[in-house]
């Protein structure tokens, strides 16, 4: 399916150096922000108090969040849990207060609301920093396993030059997402980590589409230069890219606008990843494969002749 077809190939490779310079600059800036500012981790990583409360009627999440913030917990997480009358509240660690003191103070504030008749505290748990550290380590390990899997998959399906270029391009997306969260000190939670892992798989799909078209072009365009082959591959997939990424972004924007605070940063991470995923797959991965020396011989078996001298196509 295509919305349109571009008749003349766009000379992407003519400007490959400029594109990669922009990528290198954004990558370095992201690394600097991560190193200098660090991340604003959620209590899932730093530890804190978890409260589950139950209302006699459907809970007003916005009102509950307002009461929690009035108690000085600007970084607390408030979300519906299970049923409309159940609310889950995550409070960050506060010096000088135990988990029991935090929950008791907040419960008193919640019960002061006239709409909180029948409010019941279901459970209180303390999540220690050690648990958060384990989550961070496991998340980092998951990220490493995904990267290794991508390298193996692309190396087996195509050729090692595509594997290297695709991994660099995909890590470029991940680092830039993390750079945005470090720069603006947005809350980094498990849902954001899940979005980062999702973007890795999403970006590699676009890289595979372009790599597959490059391999196909090497078979069809036997006398074309490497630059022409790559330009044609990118140009011929632009319509498909617009359809795929456009529809995906519509769904992500729906979560961003209507998903509330719980899905906000998850959707923000996906939005950044989708935008930069298009850029990296088209204007980072493809030029890198060219500079790594990809050629027709890497992807197409050489022409051979049978015993009678007849050419046998690969």
Protein backbone atom coordinates (compact mmCIF):
# COMPACT_ATOMS: atom_id res chain seq x y z
CA UNK A 1 0.00 0.00 0.00
CA UNK A 2 1.34 3.44 -0.97
CA UNK A 3 -0.01 6.97 -0.57
CA UNK A 4 2.31 8.20 -3.26
CA UNK A 5 5.28 7.13 -5.37
CA UNK A 6 8.37 9.28 -5.84
CA UNK A 7 9.58 8.92 -9.43
CA UNK A 8 13.10 10.23 -8.93
CA UNK A 9 15.39 8.92 -6.24
CA UNK A 10 16.23 11.41 -3.49
CA UNK A 11 20.04 11.75 -3.16
CA UNK A 12 20.26 10.96 0.55
CA UNK A 13 23.82 9.66 0.33
CA UNK A 14 25.02 12.96 -1.15
CA UNK A 15 24.34 14.54 2.24
CA UNK A 16 25.26 11.53 4.36
CA UNK A 17 28.16 13.32 6.06
CA UNK A 18 25.88 16.16 7.20
CA UNK A 19 23.26 13.74 8.53
CA UNK A 20 25.80 11.72 10.46
CA UNK A 21 27.42 14.87 11.85
CA UNK A 22 24.02 15.93 13.22
CA UNK A 23 23.55 12.46 14.68
CA UNK A 24 26.98 12.49 16.30
CA UNK A 25 26.32 15.93 17.81
CA UNK A 26 22.93 14.94 19.27
CA UNK A 27 24.42 11.69 20.57
CA UNK A 28 27.30 13.48 22.32
CA UNK A 29 24.92 16.07 23.83
CA UNK A 30 22.68 13.28 25.14
CA UNK A 31 25.65 11.51 26.73
CA UNK A 32 26.76 14.80 28.35
CA UNK A 33 23.30 15.41 29.80
CA UNK A 34 23.14 11.85 31.15
CA UNK A 35 26.60 12.15 32.72
CA UNK A 36 26.13 15.65 34.16
CA UNK A 37 22.46 15.74 35.20
CA UNK A 38 21.70 12.06 35.70
CA UNK A 39 18.17 10.67 35.88
CA UNK A 40 15.19 11.54 38.02
CA UNK A 41 14.29 7.98 39.02
CA UNK A 42 10.82 7.07 40.22
CA UNK A 43 10.34 5.36 43.58
CA UNK A 44 10.32 2.04 41.73
CA UNK A 45 14.08 2.52 41.55
CA UNK A 46 14.79 4.70 44.60
CA UNK A 47 12.44 3.02 47.07
CA UNK A 48 9.51 4.46 49.01
CA UNK A 49 6.11 3.73 50.53
CA UNK A 50 3.29 2.05 48.64
CA UNK A 51 -0.31 2.57 49.83
CA UNK A 52 -3.51 1.00 48.55
CA UNK A 53 -6.73 2.73 49.60
CA UNK A 54 -10.34 1.91 48.83
CA UNK A 55 -13.22 4.37 48.46
CA UNK A 56 -16.88 3.57 48.96
CA UNK A 57 -17.57 5.00 45.49
CA UNK A 58 -15.50 5.66 42.40
CA UNK A 59 -12.37 7.57 43.37
CA UNK A 60 -11.57 11.01 42.00
CA UNK A 61 -7.96 10.40 40.97
CA UNK A 62 -7.30 14.08 40.24
CA UNK A 63 -8.53 15.07 43.71
CA UNK A 64 -6.47 12.35 45.39
CA UNK A 65 -3.40 13.51 43.48
CA UNK A 66 -4.05 17.10 44.57
CA UNK A 67 -4.26 16.07 48.25
CA UNK A 68 -1.06 14.04 47.97
CA UNK A 69 0.77 16.97 46.39
CA UNK A 70 -0.52 19.30 49.12
CA UNK A 71 1.27 17.06 51.62
CA UNK A 72 4.56 17.86 49.89
CA UNK A 73 4.80 14.78 47.68
CA UNK A 74 5.25 16.39 44.26
CA UNK A 75 6.89 13.23 42.89
CA UNK A 76 4.28 10.79 44.19
CA UNK A 77 2.48 8.47 41.79
CA UNK A 78 -1.31 8.12 42.04
CA UNK A 79 -3.25 5.74 39.83
CA UNK A 80 -6.39 3.65 39.68
CA UNK A 81 -5.77 0.08 40.72
CA UNK A 82 -8.06 -2.82 39.88
CA UNK A 83 -11.48 -1.21 40.30
CA UNK A 84 -12.57 2.47 40.00
CA UNK A 85 -12.78 2.67 43.79
CA UNK A 86 -9.23 1.40 44.44
CA UNK A 87 -6.27 3.78 44.34
CA UNK A 88 -2.58 2.96 44.46
CA UNK A 89 -0.27 5.66 45.85
CA UNK A 90 3.53 5.53 45.72
CA UNK A 91 5.33 7.97 48.01
CA UNK A 92 9.06 8.74 47.78
CA UNK A 93 11.31 8.35 50.80
CA UNK A 94 11.21 11.35 53.11
CA UNK A 95 13.97 11.93 55.67
CA UNK A 96 12.87 11.78 59.28
CA UNK A 97 9.68 9.83 58.57
CA UNK A 98 9.05 6.12 58.63
CA UNK A 99 6.78 4.36 56.18
CA UNK A 100 4.09 4.05 58.87
CA UNK A 101 4.26 7.77 59.66
CA UNK A 102 3.97 8.71 55.99
CA UNK A 103 0.94 6.50 55.44
CA UNK A 104 -0.78 7.68 58.63
CA UNK A 105 -0.29 11.36 57.80
CA UNK A 106 -1.52 10.96 54.24
CA UNK A 107 -4.49 8.81 55.27
CA UNK A 108 -5.59 11.54 57.70
CA UNK A 109 -5.38 14.12 54.91
CA UNK A 110 -7.37 11.90 52.54
CA UNK A 111 -10.10 11.29 55.12
CA UNK A 112 -10.46 15.06 55.65
CA UNK A 113 -11.93 15.27 52.16
CA UNK A 114 -15.79 15.26 52.37
CA UNK A 115 -15.93 12.89 49.40
CA UNK A 116 -13.79 10.31 51.23
CA UNK A 117 -16.61 8.76 53.27
CA UNK A 118 -15.89 5.09 53.85
CA UNK A 119 -12.22 5.43 52.91
CA UNK A 120 -10.30 2.31 53.90
CA UNK A 121 -6.57 1.61 53.94
CA UNK A 122 -6.03 -1.78 52.34
CA UNK A 123 -2.26 -2.16 52.66
CA UNK A 124 1.01 -0.34 53.24
CA UNK A 125 4.36 -1.61 51.98
CA UNK A 126 7.86 -0.24 52.03
CA UNK A 127 9.94 -0.72 48.89
CA UNK A 128 13.61 -0.52 49.82
CA UNK A 129 16.31 1.05 47.63
CA UNK A 130 17.88 -2.39 47.23
CA UNK A 131 14.81 -3.58 45.31
CA UNK A 132 15.05 -0.52 43.08
CA UNK A 133 18.71 -1.20 42.43
CA UNK A 134 17.90 -4.76 41.40
CA UNK A 135 15.19 -3.51 39.04
CA UNK A 136 17.66 -1.10 37.44
CA UNK A 137 20.26 -3.85 37.01
CA UNK A 138 17.72 -6.24 35.54
CA UNK A 139 16.44 -3.55 33.19
CA UNK A 140 19.98 -2.80 32.03
CA UNK A 141 20.57 -6.51 31.48
CA UNK A 142 17.35 -6.74 29.45
CA UNK A 143 18.57 -3.85 27.29
CA UNK A 144 21.92 -5.61 26.73
CA UNK A 145 20.23 -8.90 25.81
CA UNK A 146 17.98 -7.12 23.29
CA UNK A 147 21.00 -5.44 21.65
CA UNK A 148 22.91 -8.74 21.40
CA UNK A 149 19.84 -10.43 19.95
CA UNK A 150 19.49 -7.72 17.31
CA UNK A 151 23.16 -8.08 16.31
CA UNK A 152 22.86 -11.86 15.93
CA UNK A 153 19.58 -11.62 14.01
CA UNK A 154 20.81 -9.05 11.51
CA UNK A 155 24.19 -10.74 11.09
CA UNK A 156 22.45 -14.02 10.22
CA UNK A 157 19.79 -12.49 7.99
CA UNK A 158 21.94 -9.98 6.14
CA UNK A 159 25.62 -9.34 6.77
CA UNK A 160 27.71 -8.15 9.70
CA UNK A 161 28.02 -4.60 8.30
CA UNK A 162 24.24 -4.21 8.48
CA UNK A 163 24.25 -5.62 12.01
CA UNK A 164 26.85 -3.13 13.21
CA UNK A 165 25.19 -0.17 11.47
CA UNK A 166 21.71 -1.09 12.75
CA UNK A 167 22.86 -1.50 16.35
CA UNK A 168 24.68 1.84 16.29
CA UNK A 169 21.58 3.50 14.84
CA UNK A 170 19.26 1.89 17.39
CA UNK A 171 21.51 2.72 20.33
CA UNK A 172 21.54 6.27 18.95
CA UNK A 173 17.74 6.32 19.49
CA UNK A 174 18.00 4.91 23.01
CA UNK A 175 20.71 7.32 24.14
CA UNK A 176 18.80 10.32 22.76
CA UNK A 177 15.62 9.25 24.60
CA UNK A 178 17.64 8.94 27.81
CA UNK A 179 19.28 12.30 27.05
CA UNK A 180 15.89 14.02 26.89
CA UNK A 181 14.88 12.50 30.24
CA UNK A 182 18.18 13.61 31.79
CA UNK A 183 18.00 17.13 30.33
CA UNK A 184 14.45 17.87 31.45
CA UNK A 185 14.61 15.69 34.57
CA UNK A 186 11.48 13.83 33.60
CA UNK A 187 10.63 10.94 35.86
CA UNK A 188 12.30 7.70 34.75
CA UNK A 189 10.10 4.76 35.72
CA UNK A 190 9.69 1.13 34.73
CA UNK A 191 7.13 2.15 32.10
CA UNK A 192 9.74 4.44 30.50
CA UNK A 193 12.23 1.56 30.50
CA UNK A 194 9.59 -0.58 28.78
CA UNK A 195 9.15 2.17 26.17
CA UNK A 196 12.91 2.22 25.53
CA UNK A 197 12.92 -1.55 24.95
CA UNK A 198 9.89 -1.21 22.67
CA UNK A 199 11.65 1.46 20.62
CA UNK A 200 14.65 -0.82 20.14
CA UNK A 201 12.43 -3.44 18.51
CA UNK A 202 10.46 -0.80 16.61
CA UNK A 203 13.57 0.85 15.15
CA UNK A 204 15.20 -2.39 14.12
CA UNK A 205 12.07 -3.25 12.12
CA UNK A 206 12.55 -0.12 10.02
CA UNK A 207 16.24 -0.94 9.61
CA UNK A 208 15.36 -4.44 8.40
CA UNK A 209 12.91 -3.05 5.81
CA UNK A 210 15.56 -0.74 4.34
CA UNK A 211 18.30 -3.38 4.52
CA UNK A 212 16.03 -5.86 2.73
CA UNK A 213 15.31 -3.33 -0.02
CA UNK A 214 19.05 -2.61 -0.39
CA UNK A 215 19.72 -6.33 -0.82
CA UNK A 216 16.91 -6.58 -3.37
CA UNK A 217 18.28 -3.59 -5.28
CA UNK A 218 21.75 -5.11 -5.44
CA UNK A 219 20.16 -8.05 -7.27
CA UNK A 220 18.09 -5.91 -9.67
CA UNK A 221 20.32 -2.86 -10.21
CA UNK A 222 23.47 -4.69 -11.23
CA UNK A 223 25.26 -1.72 -12.77
CA UNK A 224 24.18 0.90 -10.26
CA UNK A 225 26.58 2.42 -7.76
CA UNK A 226 26.27 1.69 -4.05
CA UNK A 227 24.99 5.25 -3.44
CA UNK A 228 22.31 4.85 -6.11
CA UNK A 229 21.24 1.49 -4.70
CA UNK A 230 20.85 2.91 -1.19
CA UNK A 231 19.11 6.09 -2.36
CA UNK A 232 16.60 4.03 -4.31
CA UNK A 233 16.00 1.72 -1.35
CA UNK A 234 15.23 4.63 0.99
CA UNK A 235 13.12 6.53 -1.56
CA UNK A 236 11.02 3.50 -2.44
CA UNK A 237 10.14 2.85 1.21
CA UNK A 238 9.21 6.44 2.14
CA UNK A 239 5.48 5.94 1.55
CA UNK A 240 5.47 2.82 3.69
CA UNK A 241 7.45 4.64 6.40
CA UNK A 242 4.94 7.52 6.51
CA UNK A 243 1.99 5.13 6.80
CA UNK A 244 3.56 2.95 9.49
CA UNK A 245 5.08 5.64 11.66
CA UNK A 246 2.18 8.03 11.15
CA UNK A 247 -0.44 5.54 12.35
CA UNK A 248 1.76 4.45 15.25
CA UNK A 249 2.29 8.05 16.30
CA UNK A 250 -1.47 8.70 16.22
CA UNK A 251 -1.96 5.91 18.77
CA UNK A 252 0.93 7.16 20.93
CA UNK A 253 -0.42 10.73 20.85
CA UNK A 254 -3.78 9.37 22.00
CA UNK A 255 -2.05 7.89 25.04
CA UNK A 256 -0.12 11.12 25.57
CA UNK A 257 -3.24 13.29 25.51
CA UNK A 258 -5.82 11.03 27.14
CA UNK A 259 -3.73 8.51 29.08
CA UNK A 260 -3.24 10.72 32.11
CA UNK A 261 -0.14 10.97 34.31
CA UNK A 262 0.31 7.19 34.48
CA UNK A 263 1.01 6.87 30.74
CA UNK A 264 2.40 10.36 30.15
CA UNK A 265 6.14 9.69 30.20
CA UNK A 266 5.68 6.29 28.59
CA UNK A 267 4.04 8.05 25.64
CA UNK A 268 6.67 10.82 25.68
CA UNK A 269 9.47 8.24 25.41
CA UNK A 270 7.67 6.48 22.54
CA UNK A 271 7.11 9.77 20.72
CA UNK A 272 10.79 10.71 20.90
CA UNK A 273 11.78 7.19 19.90
CA UNK A 274 9.47 7.08 16.88
CA UNK A 275 10.68 10.45 15.58
CA UNK A 276 14.35 9.65 15.99
CA UNK A 277 13.77 6.05 14.91
CA UNK A 278 12.79 7.24 11.43
CA UNK A 279 15.84 9.48 11.28
CA UNK A 280 18.30 6.85 12.47
CA UNK A 281 17.02 4.03 10.26
CA UNK A 282 17.10 6.19 7.14
CA UNK A 283 19.89 8.66 7.72
CA UNK A 284 22.19 6.88 10.17
CA UNK A 285 22.00 3.16 9.43
CA UNK A 286 22.13 3.44 5.64
CA UNK A 287 25.17 5.79 5.45
CA UNK A 288 27.02 3.67 8.01
CA UNK A 289 26.59 0.55 5.88
CA UNK A 290 28.05 2.45 2.94
CA UNK A 291 31.04 3.65 4.95
CA UNK A 292 31.58 0.14 6.27
CA UNK A 293 32.03 -0.88 2.65
CA UNK A 294 28.86 -2.81 1.85
CA UNK A 295 28.83 -4.10 -1.71
CA UNK A 296 26.84 -6.37 -3.99
CA UNK A 297 29.23 -9.23 -3.22
CA UNK A 298 28.30 -9.05 0.45
CA UNK A 299 24.63 -9.76 -0.19
CA UNK A 300 24.40 -11.60 -3.52
CA UNK A 301 26.16 -14.81 -4.43
CA UNK A 302 28.54 -14.36 -7.38
CA UNK A 303 27.43 -15.43 -10.85
CA UNK A 304 28.73 -18.88 -11.75
CA UNK A 305 28.82 -20.95 -14.92
CA UNK A 306 27.88 -24.55 -15.47
CA UNK A 307 30.07 -27.09 -17.24
CA UNK A 308 28.82 -25.94 -20.63
CA UNK A 309 29.76 -22.32 -20.00
CA UNK A 310 26.18 -21.18 -19.53
CA UNK A 311 25.74 -18.42 -16.96
CA UNK A 312 23.75 -19.53 -13.94
CA UNK A 313 22.02 -16.73 -12.01
CA UNK A 314 22.61 -16.60 -8.25
